[in-house]
Amino acid sequence: MLKGLVDDRQRALITVQVAASRDTTRRNLEVWIDTAFTGILAMPRTEIKNTGLVYSSNAEAILADGTVVDLEVFTCFVDWFGETYEVDVMASESETALLGTML
């Protein structure tokens, strides 16, 4: 069962467990479910550093206003409904992690 909350800014928030590898300790990450985000996960740089994620590549992304940006991509393991998935995480300048629609 997935449980979360809606904050005072009307954002749907849940907590997911993330790690730098399949075998490392998981940490809880509060994420904003963003149905307009077509990626899997975007994390603030501080969370990427705190989780110990490893740089993977760069990727071009189109923001909501149409701006094209180049983002750093990191490898992350996310526990989701009893399964562990290896996913690409985009580094974000935001204060909140975003969970997109592709997981």
PDB file of N, CA and C in Angstrom:
ATOM      1  N   MET A   1       0.844  -1.170   0.000  1.00  0.00           N
ATOM      2  CA  MET A   1       0.000   0.000   0.000  1.00  0.00           C
ATOM      3  C   MET A   1       0.891   1.236   0.000  1.00  0.00           C
ATOM      4  N   LEU A   2       0.531   2.205  -0.786  1.00  0.00           N
ATOM      5  CA  LEU A   2       1.258   3.452  -0.892  1.00  0.00           C
ATOM      6  C   LEU A   2       0.551   4.504  -0.056  1.00  0.00           C
ATOM      7  N   LYS A   3       1.299   5.098   0.882  1.00  0.00           N
ATOM      8  CA  LYS A   3       0.723   6.143   1.726  1.00  0.00           C
ATOM      9  C   LYS A   3       1.530   7.411   1.555  1.00  0.00           C
ATOM     10  N   GLY A   4       0.849   8.528   1.601  1.00  0.00           N
ATOM     11  CA  GLY A   4       1.511   9.811   1.464  1.00  0.00           C
ATOM     12  C   GLY A   4       0.664  10.899   2.064  1.00  0.00           C
ATOM     13  N   LEU A   5       0.934  12.122   1.643  1.00  0.00           N
ATOM     14  CA  LEU A   5       0.178  13.259   2.142  1.00  0.00           C
ATOM     15  C   LEU A   5       0.142  14.343   1.089  1.00  0.00           C
ATOM     16  N   VAL A   6      -0.776  15.259   1.257  1.00  0.00           N
ATOM     17  CA  VAL A   6      -0.841  16.449   0.426  1.00  0.00           C
ATOM     18  C   VAL A   6      -0.459  17.608   1.329  1.00  0.00           C
ATOM     19  N   ASP A   7       0.590  18.338   0.924  1.00  0.00           N
ATOM     20  CA  ASP A   7       1.073  19.419   1.785  1.00  0.00           C
ATOM     21  C   ASP A   7       0.269  20.701   1.580  1.00  0.00           C
ATOM     22  N   ASP A   8       0.666  21.759   2.282  1.00  0.00           N
ATOM     23  CA  ASP A   8      -0.076  23.019   2.221  1.00  0.00           C
ATOM     24  C   ASP A   8       0.039  23.712   0.864  1.00  0.00           C
ATOM     25  N   ARG A   9       0.948  23.224   0.003  1.00  0.00           N
ATOM     26  CA  ARG A   9       1.076  23.755  -1.365  1.00  0.00           C
ATOM     27  C   ARG A   9       0.359  22.857  -2.373  1.00  0.00           C
ATOM     28  N   GLN A  10      -0.436  21.888  -1.840  1.00  0.00           N
ATOM     29  CA  GLN A  10      -1.234  20.958  -2.649  1.00  0.00           C
ATOM     30  C   GLN A  10      -0.374  19.999  -3.477  1.00  0.00           C
ATOM     31  N   ARG A  11       0.825  19.674  -2.979  1.00  0.00           N
ATOM     32  CA  ARG A  11       1.690  18.700  -3.637  1.00  0.00           C
ATOM     33  C   ARG A  11       1.461  17.331  -3.019  1.00  0.00           C
ATOM     34  N   ALA A  12       1.346  16.309  -3.854  1.00  0.00           N
ATOM     35  CA  ALA A  12       1.236  14.933  -3.369  1.00  0.00           C
ATOM     36  C   ALA A  12       2.646  14.435  -3.072  1.00  0.00           C
ATOM     37  N   LEU A  13       2.899  14.086  -1.803  1.00  0.00           N
ATOM     38  CA  LEU A  13       4.225  13.660  -1.366  1.00  0.00           C
ATOM     39  C   LEU A  13       4.178  12.237  -0.821  1.00  0.00           C
ATOM     40  N   ILE A  14       5.181  11.447  -1.176  1.00  0.00           N
ATOM     41  CA  ILE A  14       5.348  10.114  -0.613  1.00  0.00           C
ATOM     42  C   ILE A  14       6.817   9.942  -0.249  1.00  0.00           C
ATOM     43  N   THR A  15       7.097   8.894   0.502  1.00  0.00           N
ATOM     44  CA  THR A  15       8.481   8.574   0.838  1.00  0.00           C
ATOM     45  C   THR A  15       8.859   7.286   0.126  1.00  0.00           C
ATOM     46  N   VAL A  16      10.006   7.322  -0.567  1.00  0.00           N
ATOM     47  CA  VAL A  16      10.543   6.130  -1.213  1.00  0.00           C
ATOM     48  C   VAL A  16      11.915   5.854  -0.623  1.00  0.00           C
ATOM     49  N   GLN A  17      12.350   4.618  -0.739  1.00  0.00           N
ATOM     50  CA  GLN A  17      13.680   4.253  -0.259  1.00  0.00           C
ATOM     51  C   GLN A  17      14.624   4.196  -1.442  1.00  0.00           C
ATOM     52  N   VAL A  18      15.785   4.849  -1.281  1.00  0.00           N
ATOM     53  CA  VAL A  18      16.785   4.921  -2.340  1.00  0.00           C
ATOM     54  C   VAL A  18      18.142   4.518  -1.797  1.00  0.00           C
ATOM     55  N   ALA A  19      19.025   4.100  -2.710  1.00  0.00           N
ATOM     56  CA  ALA A  19      20.384   3.719  -2.328  1.00  0.00           C
ATOM     57  C   ALA A  19      21.308   3.870  -3.532  1.00  0.00           C
ATOM     58  N   ALA A  20      22.612   3.906  -3.255  1.00  0.00           N
ATOM     59  CA  ALA A  20      23.609   4.026  -4.312  1.00  0.00           C
ATOM     60  C   ALA A  20      23.872   2.699  -5.011  1.00  0.00           C
ATOM     61  N   SER A  21      23.543   1.582  -4.362  1.00  0.00           N
ATOM     62  CA  SER A  21      23.712   0.263  -4.983  1.00  0.00           C
ATOM     63  C   SER A  21      22.686  -0.690  -4.382  1.00  0.00           C
ATOM     64  N   ARG A  22      22.567  -1.860  -4.987  1.00  0.00           N
ATOM     65  CA  ARG A  22      21.617  -2.853  -4.470  1.00  0.00           C
ATOM     66  C   ARG A  22      21.944  -3.272  -3.042  1.00  0.00           C
ATOM     67  N   ASP A  23      23.233  -3.243  -2.697  1.00  0.00           N
ATOM     68  CA  ASP A  23      23.687  -3.804  -1.428  1.00  0.00           C
ATOM     69  C   ASP A  23      23.923  -2.779  -0.320  1.00  0.00           C
ATOM     70  N   THR A  24      23.731  -1.497  -0.593  1.00  0.00           N
ATOM     71  CA  THR A  24      23.974  -0.503   0.448  1.00  0.00           C
ATOM     72  C   THR A  24      22.687  -0.186   1.205  1.00  0.00           C
ATOM     73  N   THR A  25      22.847   0.414   2.347  1.00  0.00           N
ATOM     74  CA  THR A  25      21.722   0.773   3.201  1.00  0.00           C
ATOM     75  C   THR A  25      20.810   1.767   2.496  1.00  0.00           C
ATOM     76  N   ARG A  26      19.523   1.529   2.587  1.00  0.00           N
ATOM     77  CA  ARG A  26      18.529   2.421   2.004  1.00  0.00           C
ATOM     78  C   ARG A  26      18.351   3.647   2.883  1.00  0.00           C
ATOM     79  N   ARG A  27      17.963   4.730   2.246  1.00  0.00           N
ATOM     80  CA  ARG A  27      17.587   5.934   2.992  1.00  0.00           C
ATOM     81  C   ARG A  27      16.251   6.416   2.465  1.00  0.00           C
ATOM     82  N   ASN A  28      15.472   6.997   3.344  1.00  0.00           N
ATOM     83  CA  ASN A  28      14.167   7.523   2.966  1.00  0.00           C
ATOM     84  C   ASN A  28      14.334   8.849   2.250  1.00  0.00           C
ATOM     85  N   LEU A  29      13.577   9.012   1.177  1.00  0.00           N
ATOM     86  CA  LEU A  29      13.589  10.249   0.403  1.00  0.00           C
ATOM     87  C   LEU A  29      12.143  10.666   0.169  1.00  0.00           C
ATOM     88  N   GLU A  30      11.794  11.867   0.617  1.00  0.00           N
ATOM     89  CA  GLU A  30      10.458  12.389   0.354  1.00  0.00           C
ATOM     90  C   GLU A  30      10.438  12.933  -1.068  1.00  0.00           C
ATOM     91  N   VAL A  31       9.458  12.484  -1.861  1.00  0.00           N
ATOM     92  CA  VAL A  31       9.364  12.899  -3.256  1.00  0.00           C
ATOM     93  C   VAL A  31       7.985  13.479  -3.542  1.00  0.00           C
ATOM     94  N   TRP A  32       7.970  14.391  -4.463  1.00  0.00           N
ATOM     95  CA  TRP A  32       6.750  15.010  -4.952  1.00  0.00           C
ATOM     96  C   TRP A  32       6.345  14.244  -6.199  1.00  0.00           C
ATOM     97  N   ILE A  33       5.160  13.688  -6.207  1.00  0.00           N
ATOM     98  CA  ILE A  33       4.666  12.990  -7.390  1.00  0.00           C
ATOM     99  C   ILE A  33       4.268  14.059  -8.402  1.00  0.00           C
ATOM    100  N   ASP A  34       5.024  14.118  -9.489  1.00  0.00           N
ATOM    101  CA  ASP A  34       4.845  15.157 -10.498  1.00  0.00           C
ATOM    102  C   ASP A  34       4.405  14.505 -11.803  1.00  0.00           C
ATOM    103  N   THR A  35       3.123  14.533 -12.081  1.00  0.00           N
ATOM    104  CA  THR A  35       2.592  13.861 -13.267  1.00  0.00           C
ATOM    105  C   THR A  35       3.004  14.540 -14.572  1.00  0.00           C
ATOM    106  N   ALA A  36       3.549  15.736 -14.512  1.00  0.00           N
ATOM    107  CA  ALA A  36       4.036  16.408 -15.719  1.00  0.00           C
ATOM    108  C   ALA A  36       5.496  16.048 -16.009  1.00  0.00           C
ATOM    109  N   PHE A  37       6.172  15.430 -15.054  1.00  0.00           N
ATOM    110  CA  PHE A  37       7.575  15.041 -15.209  1.00  0.00           C
ATOM    111  C   PHE A  37       7.622  13.666 -15.868  1.00  0.00           C
ATOM    112  N   THR A  38       8.196  13.583 -17.052  1.00  0.00           N
ATOM    113  CA  THR A  38       8.207  12.327 -17.798  1.00  0.00           C
ATOM    114  C   THR A  38       9.459  11.490 -17.550  1.00  0.00           C
ATOM    115  N   GLY A  39      10.313  11.942 -16.653  1.00  0.00           N
ATOM    116  CA  GLY A  39      11.450  11.132 -16.245  1.00  0.00           C
ATOM    117  C   GLY A  39      11.030  10.231 -15.098  1.00  0.00           C
ATOM    118  N   ILE A  40      12.009   9.599 -14.480  1.00  0.00           N
ATOM    119  CA  ILE A  40      11.722   8.729 -13.344  1.00  0.00           C
ATOM    120  C   ILE A  40      11.907   9.473 -12.035  1.00  0.00           C
ATOM    121  N   LEU A  41      13.103  10.035 -11.851  1.00  0.00           N
ATOM    122  CA  LEU A  41      13.413  10.669 -10.576  1.00  0.00           C
ATOM    123  C   LEU A  41      14.373  11.825 -10.805  1.00  0.00           C
ATOM    124  N   ALA A  42      14.091  12.953 -10.191  1.00  0.00           N
ATOM    125  CA  ALA A  42      14.994  14.100 -10.159  1.00  0.00           C
ATOM    126  C   ALA A  42      15.253  14.401  -8.687  1.00  0.00           C
ATOM    127  N   MET A  43      16.517  14.568  -8.339  1.00  0.00           N
ATOM    128  CA  MET A  43      16.874  14.802  -6.937  1.00  0.00           C
ATOM    129  C   MET A  43      17.732  16.052  -6.810  1.00  0.00           C
ATOM    130  N   PRO A  44      17.541  16.802  -5.728  1.00  0.00           N
ATOM    131  CA  PRO A  44      18.444  17.916  -5.450  1.00  0.00           C
ATOM    132  C   PRO A  44      19.872  17.402  -5.274  1.00  0.00           C
ATOM    133  N   ARG A  45      20.819  18.212  -5.652  1.00  0.00           N
ATOM    134  CA  ARG A  45      22.233  17.812  -5.552  1.00  0.00           C
ATOM    135  C   ARG A  45      22.629  17.392  -4.135  1.00  0.00           C
ATOM    136  N   THR A  46      22.053  18.040  -3.134  1.00  0.00           N
ATOM    137  CA  THR A  46      22.388  17.664  -1.754  1.00  0.00           C
ATOM    138  C   THR A  46      21.945  16.233  -1.458  1.00  0.00           C
ATOM    139  N   GLU A  47      20.777  15.838  -1.963  1.00  0.00           N
ATOM    140  CA  GLU A  47      20.295  14.469  -1.752  1.00  0.00           C
ATOM    141  C   GLU A  47      21.142  13.460  -2.528  1.00  0.00           C
ATOM    142  N   ILE A  48      21.577  13.840  -3.723  1.00  0.00           N
ATOM    143  CA  ILE A  48      22.460  12.967  -4.509  1.00  0.00           C
ATOM    144  C   ILE A  48      23.750  12.721  -3.737  1.00  0.00           C
ATOM    145  N   LYS A  49      24.316  13.785  -3.192  1.00  0.00           N
ATOM    146  CA  LYS A  49      25.549  13.659  -2.412  1.00  0.00           C
ATOM    147  C   LYS A  49      25.310  12.834  -1.150  1.00  0.00           C
ATOM    148  N   ASN A  50      24.229  13.104  -0.420  1.00  0.00           N
ATOM    149  CA  ASN A  50      23.930  12.388   0.823  1.00  0.00           C
ATOM    150  C   ASN A  50      23.684  10.902   0.596  1.00  0.00           C
ATOM    151  N   THR A  51      23.166  10.552  -0.574  1.00  0.00           N
ATOM    152  CA  THR A  51      22.887   9.157  -0.901  1.00  0.00           C
ATOM    153  C   THR A  51      24.125   8.461  -1.460  1.00  0.00           C
ATOM    154  N   GLY A  52      25.103   9.252  -1.905  1.00  0.00           N
ATOM    155  CA  GLY A  52      26.339   8.678  -2.451  1.00  0.00           C
ATOM    156  C   GLY A  52      26.194   8.148  -3.861  1.00  0.00           C
ATOM    157  N   LEU A  53      25.302   8.769  -4.643  1.00  0.00           N
ATOM    158  CA  LEU A  53      25.067   8.291  -6.001  1.00  0.00           C
ATOM    159  C   LEU A  53      26.275   8.537  -6.893  1.00  0.00           C
ATOM    160  N   VAL A  54      26.464   7.655  -7.870  1.00  0.00           N
ATOM    161  CA  VAL A  54      27.595   7.711  -8.784  1.00  0.00           C
ATOM    162  C   VAL A  54      27.156   8.344 -10.102  1.00  0.00           C
ATOM    163  N   TYR A  55      27.972   9.297 -10.584  1.00  0.00           N
ATOM    164  CA  TYR A  55      27.704   9.959 -11.854  1.00  0.00           C
ATOM    165  C   TYR A  55      27.695   8.932 -12.981  1.00  0.00           C
ATOM    166  N   SER A  56      26.740   9.076 -13.890  1.00  0.00           N
ATOM    167  CA  SER A  56      26.592   8.146 -15.010  1.00  0.00           C
ATOM    168  C   SER A  56      26.847   8.822 -16.359  1.00  0.00           C
ATOM    169  N   SER A  57      26.179   9.959 -16.592  1.00  0.00           N
ATOM    170  CA  SER A  57      26.282  10.626 -17.889  1.00  0.00           C
ATOM    171  C   SER A  57      25.632  12.003 -17.810  1.00  0.00           C
ATOM    172  N   ASN A  58      25.521  12.644 -18.942  1.00  0.00           N
ATOM    173  CA  ASN A  58      24.745  13.875 -19.063  1.00  0.00           C
ATOM    174  C   ASN A  58      23.596  13.607 -20.012  1.00  0.00           C
ATOM    175  N   ALA A  59      22.497  14.342 -19.845  1.00  0.00           N
ATOM    176  CA  ALA A  59      21.344  14.195 -20.725  1.00  0.00           C
ATOM    177  C   ALA A  59      20.718  15.559 -20.965  1.00  0.00           C
ATOM    178  N   GLU A  60      20.160  15.715 -22.136  1.00  0.00           N
ATOM    179  CA  GLU A  60      19.448  16.931 -22.476  1.00  0.00           C
ATOM    180  C   GLU A  60      18.000  16.784 -22.017  1.00  0.00           C
ATOM    181  N   ALA A  61      17.462  17.825 -21.419  1.00  0.00           N
ATOM    182  CA  ALA A  61      16.076  17.794 -20.946  1.00  0.00           C
ATOM    183  C   ALA A  61      15.375  19.078 -21.369  1.00  0.00           C
ATOM    184  N   ILE A  62      14.072  18.981 -21.547  1.00  0.00           N
ATOM    185  CA  ILE A  62      13.257  20.146 -21.879  1.00  0.00           C
ATOM    186  C   ILE A  62      12.406  20.480 -20.661  1.00  0.00           C
ATOM    187  N   LEU A  63      12.564  21.682 -20.142  1.00  0.00           N
ATOM    188  CA  LEU A  63      11.804  22.126 -18.977  1.00  0.00           C
ATOM    189  C   LEU A  63      10.390  22.525 -19.388  1.00  0.00           C
ATOM    190  N   ALA A  64       9.532  22.736 -18.402  1.00  0.00           N
ATOM    191  CA  ALA A  64       8.127  23.064 -18.660  1.00  0.00           C
ATOM    192  C   ALA A  64       7.968  24.329 -19.498  1.00  0.00           C
ATOM    193  N   ASP A  65       8.907  25.264 -19.385  1.00  0.00           N
ATOM    194  CA  ASP A  65       8.812  26.512 -20.163  1.00  0.00           C
ATOM    195  C   ASP A  65       9.432  26.391 -21.556  1.00  0.00           C
ATOM    196  N   GLY A  66       9.898  25.169 -21.910  1.00  0.00           N
ATOM    197  CA  GLY A  66      10.478  24.935 -23.220  1.00  0.00           C
ATOM    198  C   GLY A  66      11.982  25.086 -23.287  1.00  0.00           C
ATOM    199  N   THR A  67      12.593  25.544 -22.210  1.00  0.00           N
ATOM    200  CA  THR A  67      14.034  25.696 -22.164  1.00  0.00           C
ATOM    201  C   THR A  67      14.713  24.331 -22.228  1.00  0.00           C
ATOM    202  N   VAL A  68      15.753  24.228 -23.039  1.00  0.00           N
ATOM    203  CA  VAL A  68      16.532  22.997 -23.130  1.00  0.00           C
ATOM    204  C   VAL A  68      17.758  23.147 -22.238  1.00  0.00           C
ATOM    205  N   VAL A  69      17.976  22.165 -21.355  1.00  0.00           N
ATOM    206  CA  VAL A  69      19.105  22.206 -20.429  1.00  0.00           C
ATOM    207  C   VAL A  69      19.863  20.884 -20.484  1.00  0.00           C
ATOM    208  N   ASP A  70      21.119  20.932 -20.096  1.00  0.00           N
ATOM    209  CA  ASP A  70      21.956  19.739 -20.003  1.00  0.00           C
ATOM    210  C   ASP A  70      22.056  19.378 -18.520  1.00  0.00           C
ATOM    211  N   LEU A  71      21.651  18.155 -18.166  1.00  0.00           N
ATOM    212  CA  LEU A  71      21.629  17.739 -16.768  1.00  0.00           C
ATOM    213  C   LEU A  71      22.573  16.574 -16.520  1.00  0.00           C
ATOM    214  N   GLU A  72      23.161  16.552 -15.333  1.00  0.00           N
ATOM    215  CA  GLU A  72      23.954  15.400 -14.924  1.00  0.00           C
ATOM    216  C   GLU A  72      23.013  14.271 -14.527  1.00  0.00           C
ATOM    217  N   VAL A  73      23.398  13.049 -14.870  1.00  0.00           N
ATOM    218  CA  VAL A  73      22.587  11.871 -14.566  1.00  0.00           C
ATOM    219  C   VAL A  73      23.398  10.951 -13.664  1.00  0.00           C
ATOM    220  N   PHE A  74      22.733  10.400 -12.643  1.00  0.00           N
ATOM    221  CA  PHE A  74      23.361   9.516 -11.675  1.00  0.00           C
ATOM    222  C   PHE A  74      22.586   8.203 -11.620  1.00  0.00           C
ATOM    223  N   THR A  75      23.242   7.144 -11.174  1.00  0.00           N
ATOM    224  CA  THR A  75      22.584   5.852 -11.014  1.00  0.00           C
ATOM    225  C   THR A  75      22.072   5.725  -9.591  1.00  0.00           C
ATOM    226  N   CYS A  76      20.839   5.237  -9.454  1.00  0.00           N
ATOM    227  CA  CYS A  76      20.205   5.100  -8.147  1.00  0.00           C
ATOM    228  C   CYS A  76      19.371   3.821  -8.137  1.00  0.00           C
ATOM    229  N   PHE A  77      19.223   3.241  -6.963  1.00  0.00           N
ATOM    230  CA  PHE A  77      18.364   2.073  -6.778  1.00  0.00           C
ATOM    231  C   PHE A  77      17.177   2.503  -5.932  1.00  0.00           C
ATOM    232  N   VAL A  78      15.977   2.242  -6.445  1.00  0.00           N
ATOM    233  CA  VAL A  78      14.740   2.663  -5.794  1.00  0.00           C
ATOM    234  C   VAL A  78      13.905   1.431  -5.473  1.00  0.00           C
ATOM    235  N   ASP A  79      13.459   1.319  -4.232  1.00  0.00           N
ATOM    236  CA  ASP A  79      12.545   0.249  -3.843  1.00  0.00           C
ATOM    237  C   ASP A  79      11.128   0.729  -4.142  1.00  0.00           C
ATOM    238  N   TRP A  80      10.375  -0.092  -4.902  1.00  0.00           N
ATOM    239  CA  TRP A  80       9.052   0.312  -5.348  1.00  0.00           C
ATOM    240  C   TRP A  80       8.152  -0.904  -5.363  1.00  0.00           C
ATOM    241  N   PHE A  81       7.166  -0.937  -4.472  1.00  0.00           N
ATOM    242  CA  PHE A  81       6.203  -2.031  -4.380  1.00  0.00           C
ATOM    243  C   PHE A  81       6.886  -3.399  -4.302  1.00  0.00           C
ATOM    244  N   GLY A  82       7.881  -3.506  -3.416  1.00  0.00           N
ATOM    245  CA  GLY A  82       8.536  -4.779  -3.151  1.00  0.00           C
ATOM    246  C   GLY A  82       9.629  -5.168  -4.124  1.00  0.00           C
ATOM    247  N   GLU A  83       9.888  -4.351  -5.120  1.00  0.00           N
ATOM    248  CA  GLU A  83      10.950  -4.616  -6.094  1.00  0.00           C
ATOM    249  C   GLU A  83      11.981  -3.497  -6.017  1.00  0.00           C
ATOM    250  N   THR A  84      13.212  -3.810  -6.404  1.00  0.00           N
ATOM    251  CA  THR A  84      14.263  -2.803  -6.470  1.00  0.00           C
ATOM    252  C   THR A  84      14.578  -2.538  -7.933  1.00  0.00           C
ATOM    253  N   TYR A  85      14.575  -1.266  -8.318  1.00  0.00           N
ATOM    254  CA  TYR A  85      14.830  -0.862  -9.691  1.00  0.00           C
ATOM    255  C   TYR A  85      16.074   0.013  -9.762  1.00  0.00           C
ATOM    256  N   GLU A  86      16.900  -0.239 -10.760  1.00  0.00           N
ATOM    257  CA  GLU A  86      18.024   0.633 -11.054  1.00  0.00           C
ATOM    258  C   GLU A  86      17.515   1.701 -12.011  1.00  0.00           C
ATOM    259  N   VAL A  87      17.644   2.960 -11.629  1.00  0.00           N
ATOM    260  CA  VAL A  87      17.086   4.047 -12.427  1.00  0.00           C
ATOM    261  C   VAL A  87      18.109   5.160 -12.614  1.00  0.00           C
ATOM    262  N   ASP A  88      17.890   5.949 -13.642  1.00  0.00           N
ATOM    263  CA  ASP A  88      18.666   7.164 -13.851  1.00  0.00           C
ATOM    264  C   ASP A  88      18.016   8.294 -13.071  1.00  0.00           C
ATOM    265  N   VAL A  89      18.842   9.052 -12.377  1.00  0.00           N
ATOM    266  CA  VAL A  89      18.372  10.195 -11.596  1.00  0.00           C
ATOM    267  C   VAL A  89      18.992  11.455 -12.175  1.00  0.00           C
ATOM    268  N   MET A  90      18.162  12.438 -12.447  1.00  0.00           N
ATOM    269  CA  MET A  90      18.665  13.710 -12.935  1.00  0.00           C
ATOM    270  C   MET A  90      18.933  14.640 -11.760  1.00  0.00           C
ATOM    271  N   ALA A  91      20.078  15.305 -11.807  1.00  0.00           N
ATOM    272  CA  ALA A  91      20.406  16.293 -10.782  1.00  0.00           C
ATOM    273  C   ALA A  91      19.528  17.518 -10.989  1.00  0.00           C
ATOM    274  N   SER A  92      19.002  18.027  -9.895  1.00  0.00           N
ATOM    275  CA  SER A  92      18.063  19.135  -9.948  1.00  0.00           C
ATOM    276  C   SER A  92      18.524  20.268  -9.039  1.00  0.00           C
ATOM    277  N   GLU A  93      18.158  21.471  -9.407  1.00  0.00           N
ATOM    278  CA  GLU A  93      18.437  22.633  -8.560  1.00  0.00           C
ATOM    279  C   GLU A  93      17.294  22.883  -7.591  1.00  0.00           C
ATOM    280  N   SER A  94      16.268  22.058  -7.654  1.00  0.00           N
ATOM    281  CA  SER A  94      15.095  22.176  -6.795  1.00  0.00           C
ATOM    282  C   SER A  94      15.436  21.766  -5.358  1.00  0.00           C
ATOM    283  N   GLU A  95      14.562  22.136  -4.435  1.00  0.00           N
ATOM    284  CA  GLU A  95      14.713  21.706  -3.047  1.00  0.00           C
ATOM    285  C   GLU A  95      13.986  20.395  -2.783  1.00  0.00           C
ATOM    286  N   THR A  96      13.108  19.988  -3.711  1.00  0.00           N
ATOM    287  CA  THR A  96      12.287  18.800  -3.533  1.00  0.00           C
ATOM    288  C   THR A  96      12.577  17.795  -4.633  1.00  0.00           C
ATOM    289  N   ALA A  97      12.686  16.523  -4.263  1.00  0.00           N
ATOM    290  CA  ALA A  97      12.852  15.482  -5.267  1.00  0.00           C
ATOM    291  C   ALA A  97      11.534  15.271  -5.996  1.00  0.00           C
ATOM    292  N   LEU A  98      11.616  14.971  -7.284  1.00  0.00           N
ATOM    293  CA  LEU A  98      10.431  14.734  -8.100  1.00  0.00           C
ATOM    294  C   LEU A  98      10.393  13.277  -8.543  1.00  0.00           C
ATOM    295  N   LEU A  99       9.248  12.659  -8.399  1.00  0.00           N
ATOM    296  CA  LEU A  99       9.016  11.315  -8.907  1.00  0.00           C
ATOM    297  C   LEU A  99       8.093  11.453 -10.106  1.00  0.00           C
ATOM    298  N   GLY A 100       8.591  10.997 -11.254  1.00  0.00           N
ATOM    299  CA  GLY A 100       7.828  11.135 -12.490  1.00  0.00           C
ATOM    300  C   GLY A 100       6.946   9.949 -12.770  1.00  0.00           C
ATOM    301  N   THR A 101       6.525   9.869 -14.002  1.00  0.00           N
ATOM    302  CA  THR A 101       5.523   8.878 -14.399  1.00  0.00           C
ATOM    303  C   THR A 101       6.109   7.634 -15.043  1.00  0.00           C
ATOM    304  N   MET A 102       7.423   7.500 -15.089  1.00  0.00           N
ATOM    305  CA  MET A 102       8.032   6.407 -15.850  1.00  0.00           C
ATOM    306  C   MET A 102       8.455   5.207 -15.015  1.00  0.00           C
ATOM    307  N   LEU A 103       8.327   5.226 -13.699  1.00  0.00           N
ATOM    308  CA  LEU A 103       8.796   4.097 -12.865  1.00  0.00           C
ATOM    309  C   LEU A 103       7.905   2.909 -12.981  1.00  0.00           C
TER     310      LEU A 103
END
